[in-house]
Amino acid sequence: MPALKDRPALNLVFQIDTSGSMDQPNKLPLLIQSFRLMLSELHDEDEVSIVTYAGSAGQVLKPTKVSNKAAIMTALDQAPS
């Protein structure tokens, strides 16, 4: 395994369940909070995409570099919860 600093850029796609069963404080809100924490561990050149399914379906965030944290945070705020 390469050293963490030497790893290639990641292209991560997160699929989020927005069905009614996720509408509890220990589910979707906790997932979004965890997602925010994980962002600080990624490199600026890594890319993140977010799609939703079930309660709502579609692309919430097109592939976006982690260096654009503002766009990622905005997409998380707009994700149905």
C-alpha atoms as a PDB file:
ATOM      1  CA  MET A   1       0.000   0.000   0.000  1.00  0.00           C
ATOM      2  CA  PRO A   2       1.337   3.456  -0.829  1.00  0.00           C
ATOM      3  CA  ALA A   3       1.799   5.972   1.945  1.00  0.00           C
ATOM      4  CA  LEU A   4      -1.359   8.004   2.486  1.00  0.00           C
ATOM      5  CA  LYS A   5       0.269  11.138   1.098  1.00  0.00           C
ATOM      6  CA  ASP A   6       1.328   9.246  -2.050  1.00  0.00           C
ATOM      7  CA  ARG A   7      -2.008   7.655  -2.911  1.00  0.00           C
ATOM      8  CA  PRO A   8      -3.704   8.615  -6.177  1.00  0.00           C
ATOM      9  CA  ALA A   9      -6.715  10.914  -6.149  1.00  0.00           C
ATOM     10  CA  LEU A  10      -9.996   9.258  -5.227  1.00  0.00           C
ATOM     11  CA  ASN A  11     -13.286   9.546  -7.099  1.00  0.00           C
ATOM     12  CA  LEU A  12     -15.971   8.712  -4.533  1.00  0.00           C
ATOM     13  CA  VAL A  13     -19.696   8.398  -5.233  1.00  0.00           C
ATOM     14  CA  PHE A  14     -22.001   8.334  -2.226  1.00  0.00           C
ATOM     15  CA  GLN A  15     -25.493   6.940  -2.624  1.00  0.00           C
ATOM     16  CA  ILE A  16     -27.778   8.180   0.151  1.00  0.00           C
ATOM     17  CA  ASP A  17     -31.060   6.531   1.101  1.00  0.00           C
ATOM     18  CA  THR A  18     -33.639   9.283   1.635  1.00  0.00           C
ATOM     19  CA  SER A  19     -36.604   7.027   2.324  1.00  0.00           C
ATOM     20  CA  GLY A  20     -38.918   7.624   5.270  1.00  0.00           C
ATOM     21  CA  SER A  21     -37.144   4.944   7.299  1.00  0.00           C
ATOM     22  CA  MET A  22     -34.036   7.174   7.353  1.00  0.00           C
ATOM     23  CA  ASP A  23     -35.954  10.113   8.872  1.00  0.00           C
ATOM     24  CA  GLN A  24     -34.706   9.603  12.423  1.00  0.00           C
ATOM     25  CA  PRO A  25     -31.974  11.494  14.331  1.00  0.00           C
ATOM     26  CA  ASN A  26     -29.740   8.422  14.462  1.00  0.00           C
ATOM     27  CA  LYS A  27     -29.948   7.744  10.719  1.00  0.00           C
ATOM     28  CA  LEU A  28     -29.822  10.314   7.881  1.00  0.00           C
ATOM     29  CA  PRO A  29     -28.734  13.283  10.051  1.00  0.00           C
ATOM     30  CA  LEU A  30     -25.995  11.149  11.590  1.00  0.00           C
ATOM     31  CA  LEU A  31     -24.886   9.989   8.140  1.00  0.00           C
ATOM     32  CA  ILE A  32     -24.636  13.604   6.928  1.00  0.00           C
ATOM     33  CA  GLN A  33     -22.703  14.609  10.048  1.00  0.00           C
ATOM     34  CA  SER A  34     -20.299  11.709   9.473  1.00  0.00           C
ATOM     35  CA  PHE A  35     -19.910  12.699   5.832  1.00  0.00           C
ATOM     36  CA  ARG A  36     -18.862  16.206   6.903  1.00  0.00           C
ATOM     37  CA  LEU A  37     -16.241  14.744   9.250  1.00  0.00           C
ATOM     38  CA  MET A  38     -14.904  12.453   6.548  1.00  0.00           C
ATOM     39  CA  LEU A  39     -14.334  15.389   4.182  1.00  0.00           C
ATOM     40  CA  SER A  40     -11.559  16.693   6.407  1.00  0.00           C
ATOM     41  CA  GLU A  41      -9.691  13.412   5.875  1.00  0.00           C
ATOM     42  CA  LEU A  42      -9.730  13.598   2.070  1.00  0.00           C
ATOM     43  CA  HIS A  43      -7.175  15.311  -0.157  1.00  0.00           C
ATOM     44  CA  ASP A  44      -8.090  18.486  -2.042  1.00  0.00           C
ATOM     45  CA  GLU A  45      -7.729  16.702  -5.408  1.00  0.00           C
ATOM     46  CA  ASP A  46     -10.123  13.876  -4.442  1.00  0.00           C
ATOM     47  CA  GLU A  47     -13.583  14.097  -6.006  1.00  0.00           C
ATOM     48  CA  VAL A  48     -16.956  13.461  -4.380  1.00  0.00           C
ATOM     49  CA  SER A  49     -20.371  12.907  -5.968  1.00  0.00           C
ATOM     50  CA  ILE A  50     -23.671  12.450  -4.164  1.00  0.00           C
ATOM     51  CA  VAL A  51     -26.791  10.712  -5.450  1.00  0.00           C
ATOM     52  CA  THR A  52     -29.987   9.911  -3.580  1.00  0.00           C
ATOM     53  CA  TYR A  53     -32.561   7.167  -3.953  1.00  0.00           C
ATOM     54  CA  ALA A  54     -35.852   5.983  -2.436  1.00  0.00           C
ATOM     55  CA  GLY A  55     -37.623   9.031  -0.900  1.00  0.00           C
ATOM     56  CA  SER A  56     -36.088  11.228  -3.576  1.00  0.00           C
ATOM     57  CA  ALA A  57     -33.901  10.122  -6.433  1.00  0.00           C
ATOM     58  CA  GLY A  58     -31.310  12.013  -8.390  1.00  0.00           C
ATOM     59  CA  GLN A  59     -27.949  13.630  -8.476  1.00  0.00           C
ATOM     60  CA  VAL A  60     -27.371  16.014  -5.581  1.00  0.00           C
ATOM     61  CA  LEU A  61     -23.738  16.779  -6.402  1.00  0.00           C
ATOM     62  CA  LYS A  62     -21.859  16.224  -9.654  1.00  0.00           C
ATOM     63  CA  PRO A  63     -18.204  15.161  -9.302  1.00  0.00           C
ATOM     64  CA  THR A  64     -16.650  17.952  -7.228  1.00  0.00           C
ATOM     65  CA  LYS A  65     -13.102  18.329  -5.960  1.00  0.00           C
ATOM     66  CA  VAL A  66     -12.810  18.257  -2.184  1.00  0.00           C
ATOM     67  CA  SER A  67     -10.995  21.597  -2.422  1.00  0.00           C
ATOM     68  CA  ASN A  68     -14.477  23.034  -3.143  1.00  0.00           C
ATOM     69  CA  LYS A  69     -15.796  22.190   0.324  1.00  0.00           C
ATOM     70  CA  ALA A  70     -18.372  25.003   0.147  1.00  0.00           C
ATOM     71  CA  ALA A  71     -20.160  23.344  -2.792  1.00  0.00           C
ATOM     72  CA  ILE A  72     -20.087  19.965  -1.050  1.00  0.00           C
ATOM     73  CA  MET A  73     -21.453  21.402   2.189  1.00  0.00           C
ATOM     74  CA  THR A  74     -24.212  23.216   0.272  1.00  0.00           C
ATOM     75  CA  ALA A  75     -25.182  19.961  -1.435  1.00  0.00           C
ATOM     76  CA  LEU A  76     -25.333  18.207   1.933  1.00  0.00           C
ATOM     77  CA  ASP A  77     -27.552  20.982   3.300  1.00  0.00           C
ATOM     78  CA  GLN A  78     -29.864  20.577   0.291  1.00  0.00           C
ATOM     79  CA  ALA A  79     -29.982  16.780   0.477  1.00  0.00           C
ATOM     80  CA  PRO A  80     -33.449  15.721   1.548  1.00  0.00           C
ATOM     81  CA  SER A  81     -33.542  14.755   5.194  1.00  0.00           C
END
